[in-house]
N, C-alpha and C. Protein backbone atom coordinates (compact mmCIF):
# COMPACT_ATOMS: atom_id res chain seq x y z
N UNK A 1 7.97 -27.24 30.67
CA UNK A 1 9.25 -27.60 30.38
C UNK A 1 9.98 -26.37 30.70
N UNK A 2 11.27 -26.51 30.98
CA UNK A 2 12.13 -25.56 31.14
C UNK A 2 13.11 -25.06 29.86
N UNK A 3 13.11 -23.95 29.62
CA UNK A 3 13.93 -23.56 28.43
C UNK A 3 14.92 -22.23 29.06
N UNK A 4 16.13 -22.57 28.56
CA UNK A 4 17.29 -21.39 29.12
C UNK A 4 17.33 -20.60 28.13
N UNK A 5 17.37 -19.23 28.61
CA UNK A 5 17.71 -17.75 27.72
C UNK A 5 19.41 -17.77 27.64
N UNK A 6 19.85 -17.84 26.18
CA UNK A 6 21.07 -17.88 25.80
C UNK A 6 21.41 -16.14 25.98
N UNK A 7 22.83 -16.07 25.89
CA UNK A 7 23.36 -14.84 25.97
C UNK A 7 22.80 -13.67 24.87
N UNK A 8 22.34 -14.65 23.79
CA UNK A 8 22.01 -13.64 22.68
C UNK A 8 20.35 -13.67 22.83
N UNK A 9 19.76 -13.70 23.94
CA UNK A 9 18.37 -13.83 24.17
C UNK A 9 17.65 -14.77 23.29
N UNK A 10 18.26 -15.91 22.97
CA UNK A 10 17.53 -16.85 22.47
C UNK A 10 16.85 -17.97 23.12
N UNK A 11 15.79 -18.65 23.07
CA UNK A 11 15.24 -19.88 23.70
C UNK A 11 15.21 -20.93 22.50
N UNK A 12 15.29 -22.06 23.01
CA UNK A 12 14.64 -23.23 22.24
C UNK A 12 13.66 -23.94 22.75
N UNK A 13 12.61 -23.77 21.83
CA UNK A 13 11.28 -24.42 22.34
C UNK A 13 11.50 -25.78 22.26
N UNK A 14 10.98 -26.46 22.95
CA UNK A 14 11.41 -28.19 23.43
C UNK A 14 10.56 -28.73 22.29
N UNK A 15 11.39 -29.86 21.88
CA UNK A 15 10.96 -30.81 20.67
C UNK A 15 9.45 -31.20 20.83
N UNK A 16 9.22 -31.55 22.20
CA UNK A 16 7.79 -32.34 22.33
C UNK A 16 6.80 -31.16 21.76
N UNK A 17 6.91 -29.77 22.04
CA UNK A 17 6.03 -28.71 21.86
C UNK A 17 6.01 -28.65 20.52
N UNK A 18 7.21 -28.63 19.75
CA UNK A 18 7.11 -28.18 18.05
C UNK A 18 6.54 -29.48 17.66
N UNK A 19 6.61 -30.41 18.21
CA UNK A 19 5.98 -31.87 17.40
C UNK A 19 4.76 -31.91 17.59
N UNK A 20 3.75 -31.09 18.54
CA UNK A 20 2.81 -31.13 18.57
C UNK A 20 1.90 -29.85 17.82
N UNK A 21 2.67 -28.97 17.03
CA UNK A 21 2.17 -27.97 16.43
C UNK A 21 2.25 -28.52 14.93
N UNK A 22 1.62 -28.05 14.25
CA UNK A 22 1.68 -28.23 12.67
C UNK A 22 3.03 -27.40 12.29
N UNK A 23 3.74 -27.57 11.08
CA UNK A 23 4.91 -27.20 10.65
C UNK A 23 4.79 -25.68 10.67
N UNK A 24 5.57 -24.82 11.44
CA UNK A 24 5.47 -23.68 11.59
C UNK A 24 7.00 -22.73 11.68
N UNK A 25 6.99 -21.61 10.83
CA UNK A 25 8.34 -21.10 10.89
C UNK A 25 8.35 -19.99 11.75
N UNK A 26 7.35 -19.22 11.67
CA UNK A 26 7.18 -17.81 12.56
C UNK A 26 6.08 -18.06 13.41
N UNK A 27 6.38 -17.04 14.54
CA UNK A 27 5.52 -16.77 15.96
C UNK A 27 5.55 -15.49 16.17
N UNK A 28 4.13 -15.33 16.54
CA UNK A 28 4.16 -13.54 17.01
C UNK A 28 4.35 -13.72 18.37
N UNK A 29 5.23 -12.84 18.95
CA UNK A 29 5.54 -12.83 20.31
C UNK A 29 4.80 -11.75 20.79
N UNK A 30 4.43 -12.14 22.14
CA UNK A 30 3.73 -10.65 22.82
C UNK A 30 4.09 -10.88 24.43
N UNK A 31 3.72 -9.88 25.19
CA UNK A 31 3.75 -9.88 26.27
C UNK A 31 2.71 -9.62 26.89
N UNK A 32 2.00 -10.56 27.93
CA UNK A 32 0.53 -10.30 28.61
C UNK A 32 0.56 -10.51 29.95
N UNK A 33 0.43 -9.46 30.72
CA UNK A 33 0.35 -9.87 32.14
C UNK A 33 1.72 -10.48 32.66
N UNK A 34 2.82 -9.99 32.16
CA UNK A 34 4.39 -10.50 32.38
C UNK A 34 4.48 -12.05 31.83
N UNK A 35 3.88 -12.40 31.22
CA UNK A 35 3.81 -13.48 30.57
C UNK A 35 4.19 -13.53 29.05
N UNK A 36 5.21 -14.36 28.61
CA UNK A 36 5.68 -14.16 26.97
C UNK A 36 4.75 -15.28 26.55
N UNK A 37 3.76 -14.98 25.23
CA UNK A 37 3.25 -15.69 24.58
C UNK A 37 3.52 -15.76 23.24
N UNK A 38 3.67 -17.22 22.72
CA UNK A 38 4.08 -17.29 21.41
C UNK A 38 2.87 -17.95 20.62
N UNK A 39 2.55 -17.00 19.81
CA UNK A 39 1.44 -17.46 18.60
C UNK A 39 1.86 -17.70 17.21
N UNK A 40 1.55 -19.12 16.89
CA UNK A 40 2.01 -19.72 15.70
C UNK A 40 1.45 -18.85 14.56
N UNK A 41 2.19 -18.53 13.41
CA UNK A 41 1.61 -17.45 12.40
C UNK A 41 1.89 -18.20 11.14
N UNK A 42 1.14 -18.48 10.22
CA UNK A 42 1.00 -18.59 8.84
C UNK A 42 1.40 -17.77 8.00
N UNK A 43 2.62 -17.74 7.64
CA UNK A 43 2.95 -16.50 6.46
C UNK A 43 2.82 -17.21 5.09
N UNK A 44 1.92 -16.40 4.21
CA UNK A 44 1.68 -16.90 2.97
C UNK A 44 2.68 -16.23 1.86
N UNK A 45 3.38 -17.02 1.25
CA UNK A 45 4.37 -16.34 0.32
C UNK A 45 3.62 -16.01 -1.08
N UNK A 46 3.42 -14.85 -1.57
CA UNK A 46 2.93 -14.60 -2.85
C UNK A 46 3.87 -13.78 -3.84
N UNK A 47 3.42 -14.01 -5.16
CA UNK A 47 4.46 -13.61 -6.03
C UNK A 47 4.05 -12.00 -6.17
N UNK A 48 4.98 -11.11 -6.78
CA UNK A 48 4.90 -9.86 -7.19
C UNK A 48 3.60 -9.70 -7.91
N UNK A 49 3.82 -10.39 -9.05
CA UNK A 49 3.11 -10.31 -10.02
C UNK A 49 1.48 -10.75 -9.30
N UNK A 50 1.27 -11.56 -8.59
CA UNK A 50 -0.18 -11.99 -8.05
C UNK A 50 -0.56 -10.42 -7.29
N UNK A 51 0.42 -9.93 -6.74
CA UNK A 51 0.05 -8.69 -5.96
C UNK A 51 -0.32 -7.72 -7.06
N UNK A 52 0.46 -7.49 -7.88
CA UNK A 52 -0.12 -6.45 -8.88
C UNK A 52 -1.33 -6.74 -9.57
N UNK A 53 -1.64 -8.01 -9.96
CA UNK A 53 -2.87 -8.63 -10.19
C UNK A 53 -4.09 -8.26 -9.61
N UNK A 54 -3.73 -8.48 -8.05
CA UNK A 54 -4.93 -7.81 -7.10
C UNK A 54 -5.32 -6.41 -7.15
N UNK A 55 -3.96 -5.84 -7.17
CA UNK A 55 -4.11 -4.45 -6.96
C UNK A 55 -4.91 -3.69 -8.36
N UNK A 56 -4.88 -4.34 -9.38
CA UNK A 56 -5.44 -4.17 -10.61
C UNK A 56 -6.80 -4.17 -10.22
N UNK A 57 -7.16 -5.05 -9.89
CA UNK A 57 -8.65 -5.95 -9.74
C UNK A 57 -9.09 -4.91 -8.78
N UNK A 58 -8.34 -4.41 -7.71
CA UNK A 58 -9.18 -3.36 -6.69
C UNK A 58 -9.07 -2.07 -7.16
N UNK A 59 -8.65 -1.75 -8.56
CA UNK A 59 -8.60 -0.33 -8.81
C UNK A 59 -7.55 0.31 -8.09
N UNK A 60 -6.38 -0.16 -7.81
CA UNK A 60 -5.16 0.56 -6.78
C UNK A 60 -4.12 1.02 -7.89
N UNK A 61 -3.78 2.21 -7.57
CA UNK A 61 -2.43 2.39 -8.39
C UNK A 61 -1.16 2.43 -7.63
N UNK A 62 0.03 2.63 -8.15
CA UNK A 62 1.49 2.96 -7.36
C UNK A 62 1.14 3.99 -6.36
N UNK A 63 0.43 4.88 -6.97
CA UNK A 63 0.05 6.25 -6.00
C UNK A 63 -0.80 6.08 -4.88
N UNK A 64 -1.54 4.81 -4.90
CA UNK A 64 -2.34 4.51 -3.77
C UNK A 64 -1.93 4.53 -2.57
N UNK A 65 -0.88 3.96 -2.30
CA UNK A 65 -0.23 3.91 -0.98
C UNK A 65 0.23 5.20 -0.10
N UNK A 66 0.99 5.65 -1.08
CA UNK A 66 1.43 7.34 -0.65
C UNK A 66 0.11 8.03 -0.45
N UNK A 67 -1.01 7.96 -1.23
CA UNK A 67 -2.11 8.73 -0.99
C UNK A 67 -2.86 8.54 0.52
N UNK A 68 -2.86 6.92 0.78
CA UNK A 68 -3.23 6.55 1.96
C UNK A 68 -2.62 6.95 3.15
N UNK A 69 -1.13 6.76 2.99
CA UNK A 69 -0.38 7.66 4.01
C UNK A 69 -0.76 8.95 4.36
N UNK A 70 -0.60 9.54 3.16
CA UNK A 70 -0.79 11.18 3.27
C UNK A 70 -2.12 11.20 4.04
N UNK A 71 -3.24 10.66 3.51
CA UNK A 71 -4.60 10.78 4.23
C UNK A 71 -4.39 10.43 5.60
N UNK A 72 -4.06 9.51 6.00
CA UNK A 72 -3.56 8.98 7.51
C UNK A 72 -3.08 10.00 8.37
N UNK A 73 -2.01 10.53 7.63
CA UNK A 73 -1.23 11.67 8.60
C UNK A 73 -2.12 12.81 8.94
N UNK A 74 -2.78 13.07 7.88
CA UNK A 74 -4.06 14.09 8.05
C UNK A 74 -4.78 13.93 9.29
N UNK A 75 -5.03 12.73 9.34
CA UNK A 75 -6.15 12.40 10.35
C UNK A 75 -5.50 12.53 11.86
N UNK A 76 -4.25 12.51 11.88
CA UNK A 76 -3.64 12.41 13.19
C UNK A 76 -3.64 14.00 13.84
């Protein structure tokens, strides 16, 4: 199927293709061997509270991310 690129570098995915996919909002876009590849991505929406609960279960603190970034920079 043919899709035209607009002046804003946008394309419309043909309806027949979208109808054959599960409901999807986001795509990962990659360039492989001069071919543009769109891969459907499921984005899960989670609450801040559930993230805090998970961090607590894992024993992570607010400083854990900063510590991890600092450690990573030392490795380079």
